[in-house]
Every structure is written in structure tokens, then in C-alpha cells.
């Protein structure tokens, strides 16, 4: 995973808590998938749960992306940094793989 040591995003406590709660639910779903596999649950049932995990992660990504666009990207473009649009396209490209 690529890290950037110098950039951060300030989030209000409500947003931070909402995102953490989503990730905690996803983490629980992942543990559930692992448990299903360990118990030799029927493949189609595991795949259905896996699809639910994917949907939950996509919802997390949409929420974070929306926040990013409305805060970081808008701020950077308003300050004259048009490279924010290029960076956004790279991020969207990764999400759409």
C-alpha cells in the first residue's frame, strides 16, 4: 500500500465515527466469511456473503470518495491546484478496477 507521509485529511468526529463503524461492520463480515469457510459452508452461501462484503466496501468507498471530492478536491482546485482533478481520476481508476 502506498503511503504519503505528509498529507492528512481533517475529518469531523461524526464522519470519522461513521467511517470507522462501516469498516468495523465489514471487518465482522470478513470474519464471518472466514468462519463459513472453516465450517465448510456451501459455496453458493459463501459467495452470497462475499457479494454482501463487496457491496459494503463499495458503499464505504462511495462515502469516502464523496467526502474527498467535497472537501479536499474542491479546496485544492479553488486554491489553483488543478492537479487535484488528475489525482482524483487516478483514484477513481483504481476503484473501478
PDB file of N, CA and C in Angstrom:
ATOM      1  N   UNK A   1       0.836  -1.164   0.000  1.00  0.00           N
ATOM      2  CA  UNK A   1       0.000   0.000   0.000  1.00  0.00           C
ATOM      3  C   UNK A   1       0.891   1.239   0.000  1.00  0.00           C
ATOM      4  N   UNK A   2       0.562   2.187  -0.837  1.00  0.00           N
ATOM      5  CA  UNK A   2       1.326   3.414  -0.976  1.00  0.00           C
ATOM      6  C   UNK A   2       0.980   4.357   0.170  1.00  0.00           C
ATOM      7  N   UNK A   3       2.008   4.902   0.826  1.00  0.00           N
ATOM      8  CA  UNK A   3       1.782   5.854   1.905  1.00  0.00           C
ATOM      9  C   UNK A   3       2.333   7.204   1.511  1.00  0.00           C
ATOM     10  N   UNK A   4       1.661   8.233   1.983  1.00  0.00           N
ATOM     11  CA  UNK A   4       2.127   9.586   1.772  1.00  0.00           C
ATOM     12  C   UNK A   4       2.308  10.195   3.154  1.00  0.00           C
ATOM     13  N   UNK A   5       3.554  10.467   3.534  1.00  0.00           N
ATOM     14  CA  UNK A   5       3.865  10.847   4.902  1.00  0.00           C
ATOM     15  C   UNK A   5       3.422  12.251   5.275  1.00  0.00           C
ATOM     16  N   UNK A   6       3.154  13.079   4.316  1.00  0.00           N
ATOM     17  CA  UNK A   6       2.965  14.489   4.625  1.00  0.00           C
ATOM     18  C   UNK A   6       1.528  14.977   4.501  1.00  0.00           C
ATOM     19  N   UNK A   7       0.652  14.241   3.889  1.00  0.00           N
ATOM     20  CA  UNK A   7      -0.714  14.708   3.658  1.00  0.00           C
ATOM     21  C   UNK A   7      -1.678  14.040   4.624  1.00  0.00           C
ATOM     22  N   UNK A   8      -2.590  14.832   5.131  1.00  0.00           N
ATOM     23  CA  UNK A   8      -3.625  14.316   6.013  1.00  0.00           C
ATOM     24  C   UNK A   8      -4.949  14.954   5.626  1.00  0.00           C
ATOM     25  N   UNK A   9      -6.017  14.399   6.135  1.00  0.00           N
ATOM     26  CA  UNK A   9      -7.339  14.966   5.938  1.00  0.00           C
ATOM     27  C   UNK A   9      -7.991  15.136   7.296  1.00  0.00           C
ATOM     28  N   UNK A  10      -8.387  16.340   7.610  1.00  0.00           N
ATOM     29  CA  UNK A  10      -9.116  16.582   8.857  1.00  0.00           C
ATOM     30  C   UNK A  10     -10.569  16.190   8.651  1.00  0.00           C
ATOM     31  N   UNK A  11     -11.074  15.362   9.553  1.00  0.00           N
ATOM     32  CA  UNK A  11     -12.469  14.943   9.492  1.00  0.00           C
ATOM     33  C   UNK A  11     -13.141  15.311  10.798  1.00  0.00           C
ATOM     34  N   UNK A  12     -14.409  15.686  10.709  1.00  0.00           N
ATOM     35  CA  UNK A  12     -15.109  15.918  11.963  1.00  0.00           C
ATOM     36  C   UNK A  12     -15.370  14.566  12.622  1.00  0.00           C
ATOM     37  N   UNK A  13     -15.631  14.594  13.896  1.00  0.00           N
ATOM     38  CA  UNK A  13     -15.767  13.361  14.671  1.00  0.00           C
ATOM     39  C   UNK A  13     -16.912  12.486  14.161  1.00  0.00           C
ATOM     40  N   UNK A  14     -18.006  13.095  13.727  1.00  0.00           N
ATOM     41  CA  UNK A  14     -19.153  12.318  13.241  1.00  0.00           C
ATOM     42  C   UNK A  14     -18.776  11.536  11.989  1.00  0.00           C
ATOM     43  N   UNK A  15     -18.080  12.175  11.064  1.00  0.00           N
ATOM     44  CA  UNK A  15     -17.666  11.477   9.837  1.00  0.00           C
ATOM     45  C   UNK A  15     -16.684  10.352  10.163  1.00  0.00           C
ATOM     46  N   UNK A  16     -15.709  10.662  11.014  1.00  0.00           N
ATOM     47  CA  UNK A  16     -14.711   9.652  11.389  1.00  0.00           C
ATOM     48  C   UNK A  16     -15.409   8.439  12.009  1.00  0.00           C
ATOM     49  N   UNK A  17     -16.323   8.672  12.933  1.00  0.00           N
ATOM     50  CA  UNK A  17     -17.030   7.590  13.611  1.00  0.00           C
ATOM     51  C   UNK A  17     -17.870   6.785  12.618  1.00  0.00           C
ATOM     52  N   UNK A  18     -18.555   7.473  11.687  1.00  0.00           N
ATOM     53  CA  UNK A  18     -19.375   6.804  10.679  1.00  0.00           C
ATOM     54  C   UNK A  18     -18.523   5.872   9.808  1.00  0.00           C
ATOM     55  N   UNK A  19     -17.371   6.364   9.363  1.00  0.00           N
ATOM     56  CA  UNK A  19     -16.484   5.552   8.519  1.00  0.00           C
ATOM     57  C   UNK A  19     -15.898   4.374   9.294  1.00  0.00           C
ATOM     58  N   UNK A  20     -15.499   4.619  10.523  1.00  0.00           N
ATOM     59  CA  UNK A  20     -14.952   3.540  11.355  1.00  0.00           C
ATOM     60  C   UNK A  20     -16.013   2.487  11.618  1.00  0.00           C
ATOM     61  N   UNK A  21     -17.245   2.911  11.870  1.00  0.00           N
ATOM     62  CA  UNK A  21     -18.331   1.951  12.095  1.00  0.00           C
ATOM     63  C   UNK A  21     -18.567   1.086  10.867  1.00  0.00           C
ATOM     64  N   UNK A  22     -18.529   1.706   9.685  1.00  0.00           N
ATOM     65  CA  UNK A  22     -18.688   0.931   8.440  1.00  0.00           C
ATOM     66  C   UNK A  22     -17.583  -0.117   8.325  1.00  0.00           C
ATOM     67  N   UNK A  23     -16.343   0.316   8.581  1.00  0.00           N
ATOM     68  CA  UNK A  23     -15.225  -0.626   8.475  1.00  0.00           C
ATOM     69  C   UNK A  23     -15.313  -1.731   9.517  1.00  0.00           C
ATOM     70  N   UNK A  24     -15.791  -1.407  10.695  1.00  0.00           N
ATOM     71  CA  UNK A  24     -15.952  -2.433  11.733  1.00  0.00           C
ATOM     72  C   UNK A  24     -16.980  -3.474  11.313  1.00  0.00           C
ATOM     73  N   UNK A  25     -18.074  -3.030  10.691  1.00  0.00           N
ATOM     74  CA  UNK A  25     -19.080  -3.982  10.200  1.00  0.00           C
ATOM     75  C   UNK A  25     -18.485  -4.863   9.096  1.00  0.00           C
ATOM     76  N   UNK A  26     -17.715  -4.247   8.202  1.00  0.00           N
ATOM     77  CA  UNK A  26     -17.076  -5.009   7.124  1.00  0.00           C
ATOM     78  C   UNK A  26     -16.089  -6.015   7.705  1.00  0.00           C
ATOM     79  N   UNK A  27     -15.344  -5.595   8.700  1.00  0.00           N
ATOM     80  CA  UNK A  27     -14.403  -6.497   9.362  1.00  0.00           C
ATOM     81  C   UNK A  27     -15.136  -7.710   9.942  1.00  0.00           C
ATOM     82  N   UNK A  28     -16.292  -7.470  10.542  1.00  0.00           N
ATOM     83  CA  UNK A  28     -17.096  -8.568  11.071  1.00  0.00           C
ATOM     84  C   UNK A  28     -17.588  -9.487   9.966  1.00  0.00           C
ATOM     85  N   UNK A  29     -17.977  -8.908   8.850  1.00  0.00           N
ATOM     86  CA  UNK A  29     -18.426  -9.715   7.717  1.00  0.00           C
ATOM     87  C   UNK A  29     -17.283 -10.592   7.194  1.00  0.00           C
ATOM     88  N   UNK A  30     -16.080 -10.046   7.151  1.00  0.00           N
ATOM     89  CA  UNK A  30     -14.910 -10.808   6.698  1.00  0.00           C
ATOM     90  C   UNK A  30     -14.643 -11.971   7.648  1.00  0.00           C
ATOM     91  N   UNK A  31     -14.719 -11.698   8.946  1.00  0.00           N
ATOM     92  CA  UNK A  31     -14.541 -12.790   9.918  1.00  0.00           C
ATOM     93  C   UNK A  31     -15.621 -13.852   9.724  1.00  0.00           C
ATOM     94  N   UNK A  32     -16.846 -13.405   9.407  1.00  0.00           N
ATOM     95  CA  UNK A  32     -17.928 -14.349   9.137  1.00  0.00           C
ATOM     96  C   UNK A  32     -17.635 -15.216   7.929  1.00  0.00           C
ATOM     97  N   UNK A  33     -17.085 -14.615   6.890  1.00  0.00           N
ATOM     98  CA  UNK A  33     -16.700 -15.385   5.700  1.00  0.00           C
ATOM     99  C   UNK A  33     -15.670 -16.453   6.053  1.00  0.00           C
ATOM    100  N   UNK A  34     -14.690 -16.055   6.832  1.00  0.00           N
ATOM    101  CA  UNK A  34     -13.652 -16.999   7.233  1.00  0.00           C
ATOM    102  C   UNK A  34     -14.265 -18.146   8.027  1.00  0.00           C
ATOM    103  N   UNK A  35     -15.175 -17.820   8.932  1.00  0.00           N
ATOM    104  CA  UNK A  35     -15.843 -18.851   9.724  1.00  0.00           C
ATOM    105  C   UNK A  35     -16.663 -19.788   8.854  1.00  0.00           C
ATOM    106  N   UNK A  36     -17.330 -19.223   7.855  1.00  0.00           N
ATOM    107  CA  UNK A  36     -18.118 -20.049   6.941  1.00  0.00           C
ATOM    108  C   UNK A  36     -17.218 -21.045   6.221  1.00  0.00           C
ATOM    109  N   UNK A  37     -16.066 -20.570   5.773  1.00  0.00           N
ATOM    110  CA  UNK A  37     -15.129 -21.441   5.066  1.00  0.00           C
ATOM    111  C   UNK A  37     -14.605 -22.537   5.997  1.00  0.00           C
ATOM    112  N   UNK A  38     -14.274 -22.140   7.225  1.00  0.00           N
ATOM    113  CA  UNK A  38     -13.766 -23.118   8.194  1.00  0.00           C
ATOM    114  C   UNK A  38     -14.811 -24.190   8.516  1.00  0.00           C
ATOM    115  N   UNK A  39     -16.090 -23.841   8.420  1.00  0.00           N
ATOM    116  CA  UNK A  39     -17.180 -24.791   8.714  1.00  0.00           C
ATOM    117  C   UNK A  39     -17.677 -25.517   7.465  1.00  0.00           C
ATOM    118  N   UNK A  40     -16.963 -25.345   6.362  1.00  0.00           N
ATOM    119  CA  UNK A  40     -17.326 -25.998   5.106  1.00  0.00           C
ATOM    120  C   UNK A  40     -18.750 -25.690   4.653  1.00  0.00           C
ATOM    121  N   UNK A  41     -19.155 -24.427   4.830  1.00  0.00           N
ATOM    122  CA  UNK A  41     -20.475 -23.988   4.380  1.00  0.00           C
ATOM    123  C   UNK A  41     -20.539 -24.098   2.854  1.00  0.00           C
ATOM    124  N   UNK A  42     -21.706 -24.328   2.341  1.00  0.00           N
ATOM    125  CA  UNK A  42     -21.953 -24.473   0.906  1.00  0.00           C
ATOM    126  C   UNK A  42     -21.399 -23.264   0.138  1.00  0.00           C
ATOM    127  N   UNK A  43     -20.719 -23.532  -0.964  1.00  0.00           N
ATOM    128  CA  UNK A  43     -20.031 -22.498  -1.752  1.00  0.00           C
ATOM    129  C   UNK A  43     -20.929 -21.318  -2.107  1.00  0.00           C
ATOM    130  N   UNK A  44     -22.133 -21.591  -2.585  1.00  0.00           N
ATOM    131  CA  UNK A  44     -23.025 -20.510  -3.013  1.00  0.00           C
ATOM    132  C   UNK A  44     -23.364 -19.597  -1.847  1.00  0.00           C
ATOM    133  N   UNK A  45     -23.497 -20.153  -0.649  1.00  0.00           N
ATOM    134  CA  UNK A  45     -23.793 -19.332   0.529  1.00  0.00           C
ATOM    135  C   UNK A  45     -22.608 -18.420   0.870  1.00  0.00           C
ATOM    136  N   UNK A  46     -21.399 -18.947   0.737  1.00  0.00           N
ATOM    137  CA  UNK A  46     -20.197 -18.138   0.984  1.00  0.00           C
ATOM    138  C   UNK A  46     -20.098 -17.037  -0.072  1.00  0.00           C
ATOM    139  N   UNK A  47     -20.372 -17.392  -1.311  1.00  0.00           N
ATOM    140  CA  UNK A  47     -20.309 -16.395  -2.385  1.00  0.00           C
ATOM    141  C   UNK A  47     -21.341 -15.291  -2.185  1.00  0.00           C
ATOM    142  N   UNK A  48     -22.534 -15.643  -1.702  1.00  0.00           N
ATOM    143  CA  UNK A  48     -23.540 -14.622  -1.417  1.00  0.00           C
ATOM    144  C   UNK A  48     -23.065 -13.676  -0.324  1.00  0.00           C
ATOM    145  N   UNK A  49     -22.449 -14.232   0.710  1.00  0.00           N
ATOM    146  CA  UNK A  49     -21.917 -13.380   1.784  1.00  0.00           C
ATOM    147  C   UNK A  49     -20.754 -12.539   1.271  1.00  0.00           C
ATOM    148  N   UNK A  50     -19.931 -13.102   0.400  1.00  0.00           N
ATOM    149  CA  UNK A  50     -18.819 -12.351  -0.186  1.00  0.00           C
ATOM    150  C   UNK A  50     -19.331 -11.171  -1.016  1.00  0.00           C
ATOM    151  N   UNK A  51     -20.426 -11.388  -1.736  1.00  0.00           N
ATOM    152  CA  UNK A  51     -21.026 -10.303  -2.512  1.00  0.00           C
ATOM    153  C   UNK A  51     -21.518  -9.194  -1.584  1.00  0.00           C
ATOM    154  N   UNK A  52     -22.058  -9.565  -0.432  1.00  0.00           N
ATOM    155  CA  UNK A  52     -22.511  -8.565   0.541  1.00  0.00           C
ATOM    156  C   UNK A  52     -21.328  -7.760   1.083  1.00  0.00           C
ATOM    157  N   UNK A  53     -20.201  -8.428   1.307  1.00  0.00           N
ATOM    158  CA  UNK A  53     -18.992  -7.733   1.763  1.00  0.00           C
ATOM    159  C   UNK A  53     -18.520  -6.749   0.690  1.00  0.00           C
ATOM    160  N   UNK A  54     -18.524  -7.183  -0.550  1.00  0.00           N
ATOM    161  CA  UNK A  54     -18.116  -6.294  -1.650  1.00  0.00           C
ATOM    162  C   UNK A  54     -19.021  -5.071  -1.727  1.00  0.00           C
ATOM    163  N   UNK A  55     -20.314  -5.284  -1.582  1.00  0.00           N
ATOM    164  CA  UNK A  55     -21.259  -4.168  -1.620  1.00  0.00           C
ATOM    165  C   UNK A  55     -21.015  -3.207  -0.458  1.00  0.00           C
ATOM    166  N   UNK A  56     -20.727  -3.750   0.712  1.00  0.00           N
ATOM    167  CA  UNK A  56     -20.455  -2.910   1.877  1.00  0.00           C
ATOM    168  C   UNK A  56     -19.177  -2.097   1.679  1.00  0.00           C
ATOM    169  N   UNK A  57     -18.150  -2.710   1.118  1.00  0.00           N
ATOM    170  CA  UNK A  57     -16.908  -1.993   0.864  1.00  0.00           C
ATOM    171  C   UNK A  57     -17.108  -0.925  -0.210  1.00  0.00           C
ATOM    172  N   UNK A  58     -17.911  -1.232  -1.234  1.00  0.00           N
ATOM    173  CA  UNK A  58     -18.230  -0.226  -2.251  1.00  0.00           C
ATOM    174  C   UNK A  58     -18.969   0.954  -1.640  1.00  0.00           C
ATOM    175  N   UNK A  59     -19.875   0.698  -0.713  1.00  0.00           N
ATOM    176  CA  UNK A  59     -20.599   1.782  -0.045  1.00  0.00           C
ATOM    177  C   UNK A  59     -19.636   2.644   0.773  1.00  0.00           C
ATOM    178  N   UNK A  60     -18.689   1.997   1.452  1.00  0.00           N
ATOM    179  CA  UNK A  60     -17.663   2.747   2.189  1.00  0.00           C
ATOM    180  C   UNK A  60     -16.862   3.630   1.230  1.00  0.00           C
ATOM    181  N   UNK A  61     -16.433   3.048   0.106  1.00  0.00           N
ATOM    182  CA  UNK A  61     -15.654   3.801  -0.878  1.00  0.00           C
ATOM    183  C   UNK A  61     -16.443   4.985  -1.431  1.00  0.00           C
ATOM    184  N   UNK A  62     -17.733   4.790  -1.711  1.00  0.00           N
ATOM    185  CA  UNK A  62     -18.553   5.890  -2.222  1.00  0.00           C
ATOM    186  C   UNK A  62     -18.645   7.027  -1.214  1.00  0.00           C
ATOM    187  N   UNK A  63     -18.857   6.675   0.050  1.00  0.00           N
ATOM    188  CA  UNK A  63     -18.962   7.699   1.081  1.00  0.00           C
ATOM    189  C   UNK A  63     -17.649   8.463   1.236  1.00  0.00           C
ATOM    190  N   UNK A  64     -16.540   7.744   1.271  1.00  0.00           N
ATOM    191  CA  UNK A  64     -15.238   8.399   1.418  1.00  0.00           C
ATOM    192  C   UNK A  64     -14.895   9.221   0.178  1.00  0.00           C
ATOM    193  N   UNK A  65     -15.202   8.705  -0.998  1.00  0.00           N
ATOM    194  CA  UNK A  65     -14.943   9.435  -2.237  1.00  0.00           C
ATOM    195  C   UNK A  65     -15.757  10.720  -2.284  1.00  0.00           C
ATOM    196  N   UNK A  66     -17.001  10.654  -1.911  1.00  0.00           N
ATOM    197  CA  UNK A  66     -17.850  11.850  -1.883  1.00  0.00           C
ATOM    198  C   UNK A  66     -17.273  12.901  -0.940  1.00  0.00           C
ATOM    199  N   UNK A  67     -16.870  12.464   0.222  1.00  0.00           N
ATOM    200  CA  UNK A  67     -16.258  13.376   1.192  1.00  0.00           C
ATOM    201  C   UNK A  67     -14.981  13.985   0.627  1.00  0.00           C
ATOM    202  N   UNK A  68     -14.175  13.157  -0.015  1.00  0.00           N
ATOM    203  CA  UNK A  68     -12.914  13.622  -0.600  1.00  0.00           C
ATOM    204  C   UNK A  68     -13.161  14.690  -1.666  1.00  0.00           C
ATOM    205  N   UNK A  69     -14.128  14.431  -2.529  1.00  0.00           N
ATOM    206  CA  UNK A  69     -14.438  15.388  -3.596  1.00  0.00           C
ATOM    207  C   UNK A  69     -14.927  16.705  -3.004  1.00  0.00           C
ATOM    208  N   UNK A  70     -15.847  16.618  -2.050  1.00  0.00           N
ATOM    209  CA  UNK A  70     -16.451  17.829  -1.488  1.00  0.00           C
ATOM    210  C   UNK A  70     -15.506  18.616  -0.576  1.00  0.00           C
ATOM    211  N   UNK A  71     -14.469  17.979  -0.101  1.00  0.00           N
ATOM    212  CA  UNK A  71     -13.546  18.698   0.781  1.00  0.00           C
ATOM    213  C   UNK A  71     -12.193  18.915   0.098  1.00  0.00           C
ATOM    214  N   UNK A  72     -11.399  17.888   0.013  1.00  0.00           N
ATOM    215  CA  UNK A  72     -10.021  18.004  -0.476  1.00  0.00           C
ATOM    216  C   UNK A  72      -9.937  18.497  -1.923  1.00  0.00           C
ATOM    217  N   UNK A  73     -10.692  17.860  -2.809  1.00  0.00           N
ATOM    218  CA  UNK A  73     -10.591  18.214  -4.232  1.00  0.00           C
ATOM    219  C   UNK A  73     -11.082  19.635  -4.471  1.00  0.00           C
ATOM    220  N   UNK A  74     -12.237  19.966  -3.913  1.00  0.00           N
ATOM    221  CA  UNK A  74     -12.779  21.327  -4.080  1.00  0.00           C
ATOM    222  C   UNK A  74     -11.805  22.357  -3.513  1.00  0.00           C
ATOM    223  N   UNK A  75     -11.278  22.092  -2.324  1.00  0.00           N
ATOM    224  CA  UNK A  75     -10.318  23.013  -1.697  1.00  0.00           C
ATOM    225  C   UNK A  75      -9.101  23.230  -2.584  1.00  0.00           C
ATOM    226  N   UNK A  76      -8.532  22.146  -3.106  1.00  0.00           N
ATOM    227  CA  UNK A  76      -7.323  22.262  -3.914  1.00  0.00           C
ATOM    228  C   UNK A  76      -7.584  22.991  -5.226  1.00  0.00           C
ATOM    229  N   UNK A  77      -8.684  22.680  -5.875  1.00  0.00           N
ATOM    230  CA  UNK A  77      -8.995  23.348  -7.139  1.00  0.00           C
ATOM    231  C   UNK A  77      -9.259  24.836  -6.907  1.00  0.00           C
ATOM    232  N   UNK A  78      -9.990  25.164  -5.844  1.00  0.00           N
ATOM    233  CA  UNK A  78     -10.247  26.580  -5.532  1.00  0.00           C
ATOM    234  C   UNK A  78      -8.960  27.335  -5.241  1.00  0.00           C
ATOM    235  N   UNK A  79      -7.966  26.632  -4.714  1.00  0.00           N
ATOM    236  CA  UNK A  79      -6.690  27.294  -4.419  1.00  0.00           C
ATOM    237  C   UNK A  79      -5.778  27.332  -5.644  1.00  0.00           C
ATOM    238  N   UNK A  80      -6.264  26.816  -6.784  1.00  0.00           N
ATOM    239  CA  UNK A  80      -5.494  26.872  -8.018  1.00  0.00           C
ATOM    240  C   UNK A  80      -4.718  25.611  -8.338  1.00  0.00           C
ATOM    241  N   UNK A  81      -4.880  24.572  -7.534  1.00  0.00           N
ATOM    242  CA  UNK A  81      -4.160  23.320  -7.762  1.00  0.00           C
ATOM    243  C   UNK A  81      -5.019  22.384  -8.607  1.00  0.00           C
ATOM    244  N   UNK A  82      -4.914  22.509  -9.915  1.00  0.00           N
ATOM    245  CA  UNK A  82      -5.704  21.684 -10.823  1.00  0.00           C
ATOM    246  C   UNK A  82      -5.234  20.236 -10.861  1.00  0.00           C
ATOM    247  N   UNK A  83      -4.074  19.935 -10.289  1.00  0.00           N
ATOM    248  CA  UNK A  83      -3.601  18.551 -10.262  1.00  0.00           C
ATOM    249  C   UNK A  83      -4.522  17.675  -9.409  1.00  0.00           C
ATOM    250  N   UNK A  84      -5.351  18.291  -8.576  1.00  0.00           N
ATOM    251  CA  UNK A  84      -6.308  17.529  -7.770  1.00  0.00           C
ATOM    252  C   UNK A  84      -7.259  16.741  -8.665  1.00  0.00           C
ATOM    253  N   UNK A  85      -7.619  17.296  -9.813  1.00  0.00           N
ATOM    254  CA  UNK A  85      -8.501  16.591 -10.747  1.00  0.00           C
ATOM    255  C   UNK A  85      -7.792  15.361 -11.318  1.00  0.00           C
ATOM    256  N   UNK A  86      -6.509  15.497 -11.635  1.00  0.00           N
ATOM    257  CA  UNK A  86      -5.743  14.349 -12.142  1.00  0.00           C
ATOM    258  C   UNK A  86      -5.627  13.262 -11.087  1.00  0.00           C
ATOM    259  N   UNK A  87      -5.343  13.672  -9.858  1.00  0.00           N
ATOM    260  CA  UNK A  87      -5.236  12.710  -8.764  1.00  0.00           C
ATOM    261  C   UNK A  87      -6.575  11.995  -8.550  1.00  0.00           C
ATOM    262  N   UNK A  88      -7.668  12.752  -8.632  1.00  0.00           N
ATOM    263  CA  UNK A  88      -8.995  12.167  -8.480  1.00  0.00           C
ATOM    264  C   UNK A  88      -9.255  11.113  -9.544  1.00  0.00           C
ATOM    265  N   UNK A  89      -8.864  11.376 -10.765  1.00  0.00           N
ATOM    266  CA  UNK A  89      -9.065  10.403 -11.843  1.00  0.00           C
ATOM    267  C   UNK A  89      -8.259   9.131 -11.595  1.00  0.00           C
ATOM    268  N   UNK A  90      -7.067   9.261 -11.039  1.00  0.00           N
ATOM    269  CA  UNK A  90      -6.259   8.080 -10.703  1.00  0.00           C
ATOM    270  C   UNK A  90      -6.972   7.255  -9.636  1.00  0.00           C
ATOM    271  N   UNK A  91      -7.482   7.941  -8.613  1.00  0.00           N
ATOM    272  CA  UNK A  91      -8.192   7.249  -7.531  1.00  0.00           C
ATOM    273  C   UNK A  91      -9.427   6.541  -8.084  1.00  0.00           C
ATOM    274  N   UNK A  92     -10.211   7.228  -8.899  1.00  0.00           N
ATOM    275  CA  UNK A  92     -11.411   6.620  -9.484  1.00  0.00           C
ATOM    276  C   UNK A  92     -11.036   5.422 -10.347  1.00  0.00           C
ATOM    277  N   UNK A  93      -9.954   5.551 -11.108  1.00  0.00           N
ATOM    278  CA  UNK A  93      -9.487   4.427 -11.922  1.00  0.00           C
ATOM    279  C   UNK A  93      -9.176   3.205 -11.082  1.00  0.00           C
ATOM    280  N   UNK A  94      -8.559   3.407  -9.938  1.00  0.00           N
ATOM    281  CA  UNK A  94      -8.248   2.275  -9.043  1.00  0.00           C
ATOM    282  C   UNK A  94      -9.519   1.659  -8.471  1.00  0.00           C
ATOM    283  N   UNK A  95     -10.500   2.499  -8.160  1.00  0.00           N
ATOM    284  CA  UNK A  95     -11.747   1.988  -7.606  1.00  0.00           C
ATOM    285  C   UNK A  95     -12.553   1.192  -8.625  1.00  0.00           C
ATOM    286  N   UNK A  96     -12.392   1.529  -9.893  1.00  0.00           N
ATOM    287  CA  UNK A  96     -13.178   0.880 -10.934  1.00  0.00           C
ATOM    288  C   UNK A  96     -12.527  -0.376 -11.499  1.00  0.00           C
ATOM    289  N   UNK A  97     -11.378  -0.762 -10.994  1.00  0.00           N
ATOM    290  CA  UNK A  97     -10.703  -1.980 -11.488  1.00  0.00           C
ATOM    291  C   UNK A  97     -11.481  -3.203 -11.119  1.00  0.00           C
TER     292      UNK A  97
END
